[in-house]
Amino acid sequence: MHCVDLRRIMKVSKLIAILPHLLLIRCEAAFQHHHITTNKTAGTPRSIILPFSGRRQGNINLAAFNIDEIESNAISAAEIWDISVTKFLSPGDATTVESRLGNRADVSLTRIPSTAIERCKFLFTNPELEVDVTEYYASLRVDNIALGSVDPWGNVLTSIGVDLDDVGDVRVVDDAVVYLAVDPDVAKICCRLLPKELPGAGVTVSVLGEDDVVPDGGSIQSLDVQRLDKREQKRK
């Protein structure tokens, strides 16, 4: 009888001993669910991308802009020499971020890409940490489009499975060439599927290299997704 009780006590003691480890594993899993982290090489800071809280419907991001969350992530990243990167923000939201965090001495704020006119990302880190921002966006060039027959760009991009918060400025330059800033994770999708979705003979989509220059100016295209009947009305 005493032996049975002793074995039970030992089992309970072992469970109590491993309980903190189980709790730690659950906490780490919850953390990873809410944070997108990248560690390309040992010793490099990870990128925390968590500017929103909300929901998605289809490929249109319906998440609410949360400046307090962005500020909290930015300060935390700067304190521990980490990196925090937002998704692409609308012009109004970008202005809000710059107004709140642009003048802080303890946080470095970088606009991505530097050529952005309206929609951009922000990278936050410690002011003394040097970061290569080119890995956080890709510039695409689209040629041979029949621009007069293109559906609204918001419709085009969502139709190929691209979330709009992964897209920066879409510019038409010289009424002939289109340049897009996108998240690197969707660059391959755009290169593969946009030529099939866009009107024109021999449409090509290419990723620009570091030495390629995106021209200044151009006509910024709206990313609003329109209903089919409204699109037809605009064409008449």
Protein backbone atom coordinates (compact mmCIF):
# COMPACT_ATOMS: atom_id res chain seq x y z
CA MET A 1 0.00 0.00 0.00
CA HIS A 2 2.77 2.35 0.95
CA CYS A 3 4.63 1.46 -2.27
CA VAL A 4 1.57 2.40 -4.37
CA ASP A 5 1.24 5.73 -2.57
CA LEU A 6 4.95 6.37 -3.04
CA ARG A 7 4.74 5.74 -6.80
CA ARG A 8 1.77 8.11 -7.08
CA ILE A 9 3.66 10.79 -5.18
CA MET A 10 6.65 10.37 -7.51
CA LYS A 11 4.42 10.71 -10.60
CA VAL A 12 2.81 13.86 -9.24
CA SER A 13 6.25 15.27 -8.41
CA LYS A 14 7.44 14.65 -11.99
CA LEU A 15 4.37 16.40 -13.43
CA ILE A 16 4.93 19.39 -11.19
CA ALA A 17 8.58 19.50 -12.27
CA ILE A 18 7.79 19.64 -16.02
CA LEU A 19 4.78 21.95 -15.72
CA PRO A 20 6.84 25.16 -16.17
CA HIS A 21 8.34 23.72 -19.37
CA LEU A 22 4.90 22.92 -20.77
CA LEU A 23 3.70 26.44 -20.00
CA LEU A 24 6.79 27.88 -21.70
CA ILE A 25 6.13 25.84 -24.86
CA ARG A 26 2.52 27.05 -25.00
CA CYS A 27 3.59 30.66 -24.51
CA GLU A 28 6.16 30.40 -27.30
CA ALA A 29 3.57 28.88 -29.65
CA ALA A 30 1.15 31.71 -28.89
CA PHE A 31 3.89 34.27 -29.49
CA GLN A 32 4.77 32.77 -32.86
CA HIS A 33 1.11 32.77 -33.88
CA HIS A 34 0.90 36.53 -33.45
CA HIS A 35 4.36 37.44 -34.76
CA ILE A 36 5.95 36.78 -38.12
CA THR A 37 9.66 36.31 -37.55
CA THR A 38 12.51 35.82 -39.93
CA ASN A 39 16.03 34.74 -39.06
CA LYS A 40 18.05 34.56 -42.26
CA THR A 41 21.41 34.00 -40.56
CA ALA A 42 22.58 33.39 -37.05
CA GLY A 43 23.08 36.65 -35.20
CA THR A 44 20.81 38.75 -37.41
CA PRO A 45 17.85 40.53 -35.80
CA ARG A 46 14.44 39.07 -36.46
CA SER A 47 11.71 41.09 -38.10
CA ILE A 48 8.50 41.46 -36.17
CA ILE A 49 5.58 42.28 -38.44
CA LEU A 50 2.52 42.97 -36.36
CA PRO A 51 0.98 46.37 -37.09
CA PHE A 52 -2.66 45.28 -37.25
CA SER A 53 -5.29 43.35 -35.41
CA GLY A 54 -8.41 42.37 -37.26
CA ARG A 55 -9.78 40.02 -39.89
CA ARG A 56 -9.45 39.25 -43.57
CA GLN A 57 -12.07 38.59 -46.20
CA GLY A 58 -10.80 36.99 -49.35
CA ASN A 59 -7.56 38.72 -50.32
CA ILE A 60 -8.56 42.18 -49.12
CA ASN A 61 -7.02 43.09 -45.80
CA LEU A 62 -9.81 44.36 -43.53
CA ALA A 63 -7.59 44.62 -40.46
CA ALA A 64 -7.83 47.82 -38.47
CA PHE A 65 -4.88 50.20 -38.34
CA ASN A 66 -3.49 50.27 -34.80
CA ILE A 67 -0.98 53.06 -34.18
CA ASP A 68 -0.58 52.16 -30.50
CA GLU A 69 0.45 48.61 -31.43
CA ILE A 70 2.89 49.89 -34.05
CA GLU A 71 4.43 52.28 -31.53
CA SER A 72 4.74 49.55 -28.89
CA ASN A 73 6.46 47.19 -31.35
CA ALA A 74 8.78 49.95 -32.56
CA ILE A 75 9.91 50.89 -29.05
CA SER A 76 10.38 47.25 -28.05
CA ALA A 77 12.47 46.55 -31.16
CA ALA A 78 14.66 49.58 -30.56
CA GLU A 79 15.26 48.66 -26.92
CA ILE A 80 16.49 45.13 -27.71
CA TRP A 81 18.24 46.00 -31.00
CA ASP A 82 15.61 44.15 -33.01
CA ILE A 83 13.63 45.09 -36.11
CA SER A 84 9.91 45.79 -36.49
CA VAL A 85 8.39 46.23 -39.96
CA THR A 86 4.85 47.25 -40.85
CA LYS A 87 2.83 46.10 -43.80
CA PHE A 88 2.23 48.63 -46.59
CA LEU A 89 0.15 51.49 -45.20
CA SER A 90 -2.27 53.91 -46.82
CA PRO A 91 -1.12 57.56 -47.15
CA GLY A 92 -3.24 58.62 -44.18
CA ASP A 93 -1.96 55.85 -41.92
CA ALA A 94 1.62 56.52 -43.01
CA THR A 95 1.23 60.17 -42.03
CA THR A 96 -0.07 59.11 -38.62
CA VAL A 97 2.96 56.87 -38.07
CA GLU A 98 5.42 59.59 -39.07
CA SER A 99 3.70 62.12 -36.82
CA ARG A 100 3.81 59.78 -33.81
CA LEU A 101 7.25 58.20 -34.25
CA GLY A 102 9.22 60.32 -36.72
CA ASN A 103 10.87 62.55 -34.14
CA ARG A 104 11.79 60.01 -31.45
CA ALA A 105 15.49 59.96 -30.61
CA ASP A 106 15.36 56.40 -29.30
CA VAL A 107 13.74 54.83 -32.38
CA SER A 108 15.03 54.76 -35.96
CA LEU A 109 12.25 55.05 -38.57
CA THR A 110 12.89 54.20 -42.22
CA ARG A 111 10.35 54.64 -45.01
CA ILE A 112 10.25 51.67 -47.43
CA PRO A 113 10.81 52.07 -50.27
CA SER A 114 12.51 55.45 -50.14
CA THR A 115 10.87 56.32 -53.49
CA ALA A 116 7.33 55.76 -52.15
CA ILE A 117 4.88 58.52 -53.01
CA GLU A 118 1.76 57.34 -51.17
CA ARG A 119 1.79 53.75 -49.88
CA CYS A 120 4.82 52.60 -47.89
CA LYS A 121 6.15 50.36 -45.13
CA PHE A 122 8.06 51.50 -42.06
CA LEU A 123 11.03 49.77 -40.51
CA PHE A 124 11.84 50.51 -36.86
CA THR A 125 14.98 49.61 -34.98
CA ASN A 126 17.67 50.99 -32.71
CA PRO A 127 19.23 54.17 -34.18
CA GLU A 128 22.70 52.61 -34.01
CA LEU A 129 21.77 49.41 -35.85
CA GLU A 130 22.47 49.36 -39.59
CA VAL A 131 19.86 47.51 -41.64
CA ASP A 132 19.63 46.57 -45.32
CA VAL A 133 16.06 47.58 -46.15
CA THR A 134 16.11 46.13 -49.68
CA GLU A 135 15.12 42.70 -48.36
CA TYR A 136 11.75 44.08 -47.20
CA TYR A 137 10.33 45.05 -50.61
CA ALA A 138 10.61 44.25 -54.30
CA SER A 139 10.16 46.60 -57.26
CA LEU A 140 8.38 45.19 -60.30
CA ARG A 141 8.23 46.54 -63.84
CA VAL A 142 5.33 45.63 -66.11
CA ASP A 143 5.63 46.16 -69.88
CA ASN A 144 3.36 45.83 -72.93
CA ILE A 145 0.07 46.44 -71.07
CA ALA A 146 -3.00 47.68 -72.88
CA LEU A 147 -3.52 50.36 -70.25
CA GLY A 148 -6.88 51.46 -71.60
CA SER A 149 -8.37 48.03 -70.90
CA VAL A 150 -6.93 47.32 -67.44
CA ASP A 151 -9.39 46.59 -64.64
CA PRO A 152 -8.90 48.52 -61.38
CA TRP A 153 -5.58 47.44 -59.90
CA GLY A 154 -7.17 46.43 -56.63
CA ASN A 155 -9.32 43.95 -58.54
CA VAL A 156 -6.40 42.69 -60.62
CA LEU A 157 -4.14 42.02 -57.64
CA THR A 158 -6.76 40.38 -55.43
CA SER A 159 -7.81 38.17 -58.36
CA ILE A 160 -4.35 36.55 -58.36
CA GLY A 161 -4.34 36.04 -54.60
CA VAL A 162 -2.32 39.08 -53.47
CA ASP A 163 -3.36 40.87 -50.29
CA LEU A 164 -3.48 44.61 -50.79
CA ASP A 165 -1.46 45.28 -47.64
CA ASP A 166 1.40 43.53 -49.48
CA VAL A 167 1.31 46.18 -52.21
CA GLY A 168 2.78 49.67 -52.19
CA ASP A 169 2.52 52.29 -54.93
CA VAL A 170 1.34 51.23 -58.37
CA ARG A 171 2.55 53.85 -60.86
CA VAL A 172 2.02 54.33 -64.56
CA VAL A 173 5.03 56.11 -66.09
CA ASP A 174 4.95 57.76 -69.53
CA ASP A 175 1.57 56.12 -70.21
CA ALA A 176 3.43 52.93 -71.07
CA VAL A 177 5.17 51.20 -68.16
CA VAL A 178 3.83 50.23 -64.74
CA TYR A 179 5.99 50.00 -61.61
CA LEU A 180 4.80 48.25 -58.45
CA ALA A 181 6.31 48.03 -54.99
CA VAL A 182 5.36 44.75 -53.34
CA ASP A 183 6.31 42.52 -50.44
CA PRO A 184 9.06 40.07 -51.52
CA ASP A 185 6.81 37.14 -50.58
CA VAL A 186 4.36 37.99 -53.39
CA ALA A 187 6.87 39.03 -56.07
CA LYS A 188 6.97 35.56 -57.66
CA ILE A 189 3.18 35.33 -57.70
CA CYS A 190 2.96 38.68 -59.47
CA CYS A 191 5.60 37.73 -62.04
CA ARG A 192 3.87 34.44 -62.79
CA LEU A 193 0.20 35.44 -62.76
CA LEU A 194 -0.04 39.13 -63.70
CA PRO A 195 0.86 38.49 -67.37
CA LYS A 196 -2.14 36.16 -67.54
CA GLU A 197 -4.47 38.66 -65.89
CA LEU A 198 -3.43 41.89 -67.63
CA PRO A 199 -4.58 42.80 -71.15
CA GLY A 200 -1.99 43.27 -73.87
CA ALA A 201 0.21 41.34 -76.25
CA GLY A 202 3.36 39.98 -74.66
CA VAL A 203 2.86 41.39 -71.16
CA THR A 204 5.99 40.87 -69.07
CA VAL A 205 6.63 41.37 -65.35
CA SER A 206 10.21 41.58 -64.10
CA VAL A 207 11.83 42.13 -60.71
CA LEU A 208 14.19 45.11 -60.73
CA GLY A 209 17.70 44.68 -59.41
CA GLU A 210 19.46 46.89 -56.89
CA ASP A 211 21.08 48.91 -59.69
CA ASP A 212 17.80 49.49 -61.55
CA VAL A 213 16.15 52.85 -60.96
CA VAL A 214 12.43 53.44 -60.55
CA PRO A 215 11.64 56.75 -62.31
CA ASP A 216 10.30 59.63 -60.26
CA GLY A 217 6.71 60.70 -60.62
CA GLY A 218 4.14 58.84 -62.63
CA SER A 219 0.41 58.45 -62.14
CA ILE A 220 -0.48 56.68 -58.89
CA GLN A 221 -3.18 54.04 -59.38
CA SER A 222 -5.94 53.45 -56.84
CA LEU A 223 -6.05 50.09 -55.09
CA ASP A 224 -9.76 50.32 -54.36
CA VAL A 225 -11.63 47.14 -55.26
CA GLN A 226 -14.70 47.97 -57.32
CA ARG A 227 -17.87 46.06 -58.01
CA LEU A 228 -18.28 44.78 -61.55
CA ASP A 229 -21.28 46.98 -62.31
CA LYS A 230 -19.40 50.12 -61.24
CA ARG A 231 -16.44 49.18 -63.41
CA GLU A 232 -18.71 48.73 -66.40
CA GLN A 233 -20.31 52.13 -65.77
CA LYS A 234 -16.90 53.82 -65.74
CA ARG A 235 -16.01 52.27 -69.10
CA LYS A 236 -19.14 53.63 -70.81
